[in-house]
Amino acid sequence: MARREDYEHKTEELLTPIIEEHHFELVDVEYVKEGGNYYLRAYIDKEGGINVDDCEVVSRALGELLDREDFIEGAYILEVSSPGLGRPLKKEKDYVRSMGKELEIRTYRAIDKQKEFYGYLTAYDDKTVTIETDDNKKLTFEKNDIALIRLAVHF
């Protein structure tokens, strides 16, 4: 396992009891480098949505555990936030929650001269995702071909 994955996995382990205690949902943890800084981000949610106070409670508790455990090499910035409207579908529970809802799918390569697709999630498995478009056309995508998959947001 890569260092990034180790950090994310260990952080999830530390976060789980905090999340359960407050009846939140852990959406994702990521360790990334952006603009010369490393960020350890935890995305949390709850019924009705997360607010700033929720993020602060989790951030303080997680920060104390991370300081005590001290398993991440070098400096990093800890962020705890809501996943937002445009969060990508990553885990099984994301797909379960999104069944029947409209998705936006962007592919790495053009398929029939297009890379962006919209449709309602009708099926998925470990390797594929199937949507149905507004004109009742079923499209199945290999997950390896998908650059981004998330709930569609229309303004």
C-alpha atoms as a PDB file:
ATOM      1  CA  MET A   1       0.000   0.000   0.000  1.00  0.00           C
ATOM      2  CA  ALA A   2       1.258   3.481  -0.851  1.00  0.00           C
ATOM      3  CA  ARG A   3       1.989   6.009   1.860  1.00  0.00           C
ATOM      4  CA  ARG A   4      -1.065   8.054   0.870  1.00  0.00           C
ATOM      5  CA  GLU A   5      -3.346   5.033   1.225  1.00  0.00           C
ATOM      6  CA  ASP A   6      -1.776   4.142   4.592  1.00  0.00           C
ATOM      7  CA  TYR A   7      -2.434   7.645   5.900  1.00  0.00           C
ATOM      8  CA  GLU A   8      -6.019   7.645   4.645  1.00  0.00           C
ATOM      9  CA  HIS A   9      -6.742   4.187   6.065  1.00  0.00           C
ATOM     10  CA  LYS A  10      -5.265   4.948   9.494  1.00  0.00           C
ATOM     11  CA  THR A  11      -7.141   8.275   9.608  1.00  0.00           C
ATOM     12  CA  GLU A  12     -10.417   6.474   8.812  1.00  0.00           C
ATOM     13  CA  GLU A  13      -9.735   4.091  11.701  1.00  0.00           C
ATOM     14  CA  LEU A  14      -9.183   7.025  14.071  1.00  0.00           C
ATOM     15  CA  LEU A  15     -12.253   8.875  12.767  1.00  0.00           C
ATOM     16  CA  THR A  16     -14.749   6.037  12.952  1.00  0.00           C
ATOM     17  CA  PRO A  17     -15.451   6.208  16.716  1.00  0.00           C
ATOM     18  CA  ILE A  18     -15.735  10.014  16.574  1.00  0.00           C
ATOM     19  CA  ILE A  19     -18.156   9.839  13.660  1.00  0.00           C
ATOM     20  CA  GLU A  20     -20.249   7.119  15.299  1.00  0.00           C
ATOM     21  CA  GLU A  21     -20.405   8.999  18.612  1.00  0.00           C
ATOM     22  CA  HIS A  22     -21.933  12.028  16.877  1.00  0.00           C
ATOM     23  CA  HIS A  23     -24.143   9.993  14.504  1.00  0.00           C
ATOM     24  CA  PHE A  24     -22.399  11.393  11.429  1.00  0.00           C
ATOM     25  CA  GLU A  25     -21.394   9.612   8.240  1.00  0.00           C
ATOM     26  CA  LEU A  26     -17.802   9.449   7.047  1.00  0.00           C
ATOM     27  CA  VAL A  27     -18.005  10.130   3.322  1.00  0.00           C
ATOM     28  CA  ASP A  28     -14.298  10.099   2.453  1.00  0.00           C
ATOM     29  CA  VAL A  29     -10.751  10.757   3.623  1.00  0.00           C
ATOM     30  CA  GLU A  30      -8.048  11.983   1.274  1.00  0.00           C
ATOM     31  CA  TYR A  31      -4.383  12.891   1.625  1.00  0.00           C
ATOM     32  CA  VAL A  32      -3.290  15.101  -1.278  1.00  0.00           C
ATOM     33  CA  LYS A  33      -0.614  17.576  -2.269  1.00  0.00           C
ATOM     34  CA  GLU A  34      -1.831  20.892  -3.645  1.00  0.00           C
ATOM     35  CA  GLY A  35       0.322  23.926  -4.350  1.00  0.00           C
ATOM     36  CA  GLY A  36       3.271  22.707  -2.311  1.00  0.00           C
ATOM     37  CA  ASN A  37       1.189  21.808   0.762  1.00  0.00           C
ATOM     38  CA  TYR A  38      -0.125  18.440   1.912  1.00  0.00           C
ATOM     39  CA  TYR A  39      -3.763  18.268   3.002  1.00  0.00           C
ATOM     40  CA  LEU A  40      -5.490  15.602   5.053  1.00  0.00           C
ATOM     41  CA  ARG A  41      -9.201  16.036   4.370  1.00  0.00           C
ATOM     42  CA  ALA A  42     -12.120  14.309   6.018  1.00  0.00           C
ATOM     43  CA  TYR A  43     -15.554  14.706   4.460  1.00  0.00           C
ATOM     44  CA  ILE A  44     -18.470  14.117   6.819  1.00  0.00           C
ATOM     45  CA  ASP A  45     -22.236  14.264   6.473  1.00  0.00           C
ATOM     46  CA  LYS A  46     -25.450  13.723   8.402  1.00  0.00           C
ATOM     47  CA  GLU A  47     -29.172  13.760   7.792  1.00  0.00           C
ATOM     48  CA  GLY A  48     -30.090  17.396   7.172  1.00  0.00           C
ATOM     49  CA  GLY A  49     -26.499  18.375   6.369  1.00  0.00           C
ATOM     50  CA  ILE A  50     -23.306  19.207   8.230  1.00  0.00           C
ATOM     51  CA  ASN A  51     -22.663  22.642   9.703  1.00  0.00           C
ATOM     52  CA  VAL A  52     -19.509  24.471  10.790  1.00  0.00           C
ATOM     53  CA  ASP A  53     -19.930  23.452  14.442  1.00  0.00           C
ATOM     54  CA  ASP A  54     -20.091  19.765  13.441  1.00  0.00           C
ATOM     55  CA  CYS A  55     -16.881  20.141  11.449  1.00  0.00           C
ATOM     56  CA  GLU A  56     -15.173  21.897  14.356  1.00  0.00           C
ATOM     57  CA  VAL A  57     -16.099  19.140  16.839  1.00  0.00           C
ATOM     58  CA  VAL A  58     -14.727  16.438  14.551  1.00  0.00           C
ATOM     59  CA  SER A  59     -11.643  18.472  13.621  1.00  0.00           C
ATOM     60  CA  ARG A  60     -10.669  19.059  17.269  1.00  0.00           C
ATOM     61  CA  ALA A  61     -11.150  15.415  18.253  1.00  0.00           C
ATOM     62  CA  LEU A  62      -9.347  14.096  15.167  1.00  0.00           C
ATOM     63  CA  GLY A  63      -6.543  16.651  15.534  1.00  0.00           C
ATOM     64  CA  GLU A  64      -5.845  15.460  19.087  1.00  0.00           C
ATOM     65  CA  LEU A  65      -5.701  11.824  17.955  1.00  0.00           C
ATOM     66  CA  LEU A  66      -3.455  12.654  14.997  1.00  0.00           C
ATOM     67  CA  ASP A  67      -1.076  14.568  17.299  1.00  0.00           C
ATOM     68  CA  ARG A  68      -0.971  11.628  19.716  1.00  0.00           C
ATOM     69  CA  GLU A  69      -0.521   8.949  17.026  1.00  0.00           C
ATOM     70  CA  ASP A  70       1.905  11.068  14.918  1.00  0.00           C
ATOM     71  CA  PHE A  71       2.013   8.632  11.973  1.00  0.00           C
ATOM     72  CA  ILE A  72       2.075  11.198   9.135  1.00  0.00           C
ATOM     73  CA  GLU A  73       5.540  12.278   8.033  1.00  0.00           C
ATOM     74  CA  GLY A  74       6.068  16.009   7.574  1.00  0.00           C
ATOM     75  CA  ALA A  75       3.669  18.921   7.800  1.00  0.00           C
ATOM     76  CA  TYR A  76       0.092  18.830   6.557  1.00  0.00           C
ATOM     77  CA  ILE A  77      -3.112  20.841   6.875  1.00  0.00           C
ATOM     78  CA  LEU A  78      -6.125  19.104   8.414  1.00  0.00           C
ATOM     79  CA  GLU A  79      -9.519  19.988   6.946  1.00  0.00           C
ATOM     80  CA  VAL A  80     -12.901  18.591   7.981  1.00  0.00           C
ATOM     81  CA  SER A  81     -15.841  19.594   5.822  1.00  0.00           C
ATOM     82  CA  SER A  82     -19.084  18.681   4.156  1.00  0.00           C
ATOM     83  CA  PRO A  83     -18.623  16.788   0.892  1.00  0.00           C
ATOM     84  CA  GLY A  84     -20.699  19.393  -0.945  1.00  0.00           C
ATOM     85  CA  LEU A  85     -23.220  18.958  -3.721  1.00  0.00           C
ATOM     86  CA  GLY A  86     -20.721  17.918  -6.354  1.00  0.00           C
ATOM     87  CA  ARG A  87     -19.127  15.085  -4.431  1.00  0.00           C
ATOM     88  CA  PRO A  88     -18.032  12.127  -6.538  1.00  0.00           C
ATOM     89  CA  LEU A  89     -19.481   8.660  -6.053  1.00  0.00           C
ATOM     90  CA  LYS A  90     -16.682   6.516  -4.656  1.00  0.00           C
ATOM     91  CA  LYS A  91     -18.027   3.907  -2.295  1.00  0.00           C
ATOM     92  CA  GLU A  92     -20.793   1.316  -2.412  1.00  0.00           C
ATOM     93  CA  LYS A  93     -22.994   3.435  -0.130  1.00  0.00           C
ATOM     94  CA  ASP A  94     -22.689   6.377  -2.562  1.00  0.00           C
ATOM     95  CA  TYR A  95     -24.158   4.246  -5.353  1.00  0.00           C
ATOM     96  CA  VAL A  96     -26.893   2.853  -3.102  1.00  0.00           C
ATOM     97  CA  ARG A  97     -27.898   6.377  -2.052  1.00  0.00           C
ATOM     98  CA  SER A  98     -27.871   7.544  -5.693  1.00  0.00           C
ATOM     99  CA  MET A  99     -30.042   4.809  -7.246  1.00  0.00           C
ATOM    100  CA  GLY A 100     -32.711   6.414  -9.409  1.00  0.00           C
ATOM    101  CA  LYS A 101     -31.111   9.851  -9.151  1.00  0.00           C
ATOM    102  CA  GLU A 102     -29.667  11.855 -12.034  1.00  0.00           C
ATOM    103  CA  LEU A 103     -25.900  11.552 -12.449  1.00  0.00           C
ATOM    104  CA  GLU A 104     -23.261  13.390 -14.404  1.00  0.00           C
ATOM    105  CA  ILE A 105     -20.590  11.122 -15.880  1.00  0.00           C
ATOM    106  CA  ARG A 106     -17.426  12.374 -17.545  1.00  0.00           C
ATOM    107  CA  THR A 107     -15.234   9.916 -19.398  1.00  0.00           C
ATOM    108  CA  TYR A 108     -11.507  10.008 -20.074  1.00  0.00           C
ATOM    109  CA  ARG A 109     -12.035   9.362 -23.792  1.00  0.00           C
ATOM    110  CA  ALA A 110     -14.843  10.416 -26.090  1.00  0.00           C
ATOM    111  CA  ILE A 111     -17.621   7.890 -26.630  1.00  0.00           C
ATOM    112  CA  ASP A 112     -19.662   8.634 -29.755  1.00  0.00           C
ATOM    113  CA  LYS A 113     -17.922  12.036 -29.913  1.00  0.00           C
ATOM    114  CA  GLN A 114     -18.872  13.034 -26.390  1.00  0.00           C
ATOM    115  CA  LYS A 115     -17.250  12.891 -22.951  1.00  0.00           C
ATOM    116  CA  GLU A 116     -20.094  14.149 -20.739  1.00  0.00           C
ATOM    117  CA  PHE A 117     -23.273  12.174 -20.079  1.00  0.00           C
ATOM    118  CA  TYR A 118     -26.363  12.669 -17.922  1.00  0.00           C
ATOM    119  CA  GLY A 119     -28.847  10.031 -16.879  1.00  0.00           C
ATOM    120  CA  TYR A 120     -30.549   8.266 -14.000  1.00  0.00           C
ATOM    121  CA  LEU A 121     -28.626   5.520 -12.212  1.00  0.00           C
ATOM    122  CA  THR A 122     -30.351   2.211 -12.895  1.00  0.00           C
ATOM    123  CA  ALA A 123     -27.595  -0.320 -12.120  1.00  0.00           C
ATOM    124  CA  TYR A 124     -23.989  -0.704 -11.020  1.00  0.00           C
ATOM    125  CA  ASP A 125     -21.531  -3.374 -10.001  1.00  0.00           C
ATOM    126  CA  ASP A 126     -17.810  -3.588  -9.268  1.00  0.00           C
ATOM    127  CA  LYS A 127     -16.873  -2.807 -12.872  1.00  0.00           C
ATOM    128  CA  THR A 128     -19.759  -0.952 -14.528  1.00  0.00           C
ATOM    129  CA  VAL A 129     -22.348   1.801 -14.109  1.00  0.00           C
ATOM    130  CA  THR A 130     -25.595   1.983 -16.100  1.00  0.00           C
ATOM    131  CA  ILE A 131     -27.700   5.100 -16.554  1.00  0.00           C
ATOM    132  CA  GLU A 132     -30.911   5.787 -18.429  1.00  0.00           C
ATOM    133  CA  THR A 133     -31.107   9.067 -20.340  1.00  0.00           C
ATOM    134  CA  ASP A 134     -34.158  11.325 -20.695  1.00  0.00           C
ATOM    135  CA  ASP A 135     -34.839   9.713 -24.086  1.00  0.00           C
ATOM    136  CA  ASN A 136     -34.968   6.229 -22.445  1.00  0.00           C
ATOM    137  CA  LYS A 137     -31.579   5.149 -23.785  1.00  0.00           C
ATOM    138  CA  LYS A 138     -29.561   2.857 -21.490  1.00  0.00           C
ATOM    139  CA  LEU A 139     -25.819   3.540 -21.362  1.00  0.00           C
ATOM    140  CA  THR A 140     -23.331   1.310 -19.567  1.00  0.00           C
ATOM    141  CA  PHE A 141     -19.850   2.573 -18.696  1.00  0.00           C
ATOM    142  CA  GLU A 142     -16.798   0.697 -17.496  1.00  0.00           C
ATOM    143  CA  LYS A 143     -15.724   2.299 -14.196  1.00  0.00           C
ATOM    144  CA  ASN A 144     -12.127   2.412 -15.502  1.00  0.00           C
ATOM    145  CA  ASP A 145     -13.315   4.720 -18.307  1.00  0.00           C
ATOM    146  CA  ILE A 146     -15.006   7.184 -15.916  1.00  0.00           C
ATOM    147  CA  ALA A 147     -13.022  10.285 -14.968  1.00  0.00           C
ATOM    148  CA  LEU A 148     -15.831  11.713 -12.783  1.00  0.00           C
ATOM    149  CA  ILE A 149     -19.188  10.455 -11.585  1.00  0.00           C
ATOM    150  CA  ARG A 150     -21.408  12.505  -9.310  1.00  0.00           C
ATOM    151  CA  LEU A 151     -24.973  13.634  -8.743  1.00  0.00           C
ATOM    152  CA  ALA A 152     -26.049  16.056 -11.429  1.00  0.00           C
ATOM    153  CA  VAL A 153     -26.404  19.641 -10.246  1.00  0.00           C
ATOM    154  CA  HIS A 154     -28.491  22.015 -12.368  1.00  0.00           C
ATOM    155  CA  PHE A 155     -28.587  25.770 -11.696  1.00  0.00           C
END
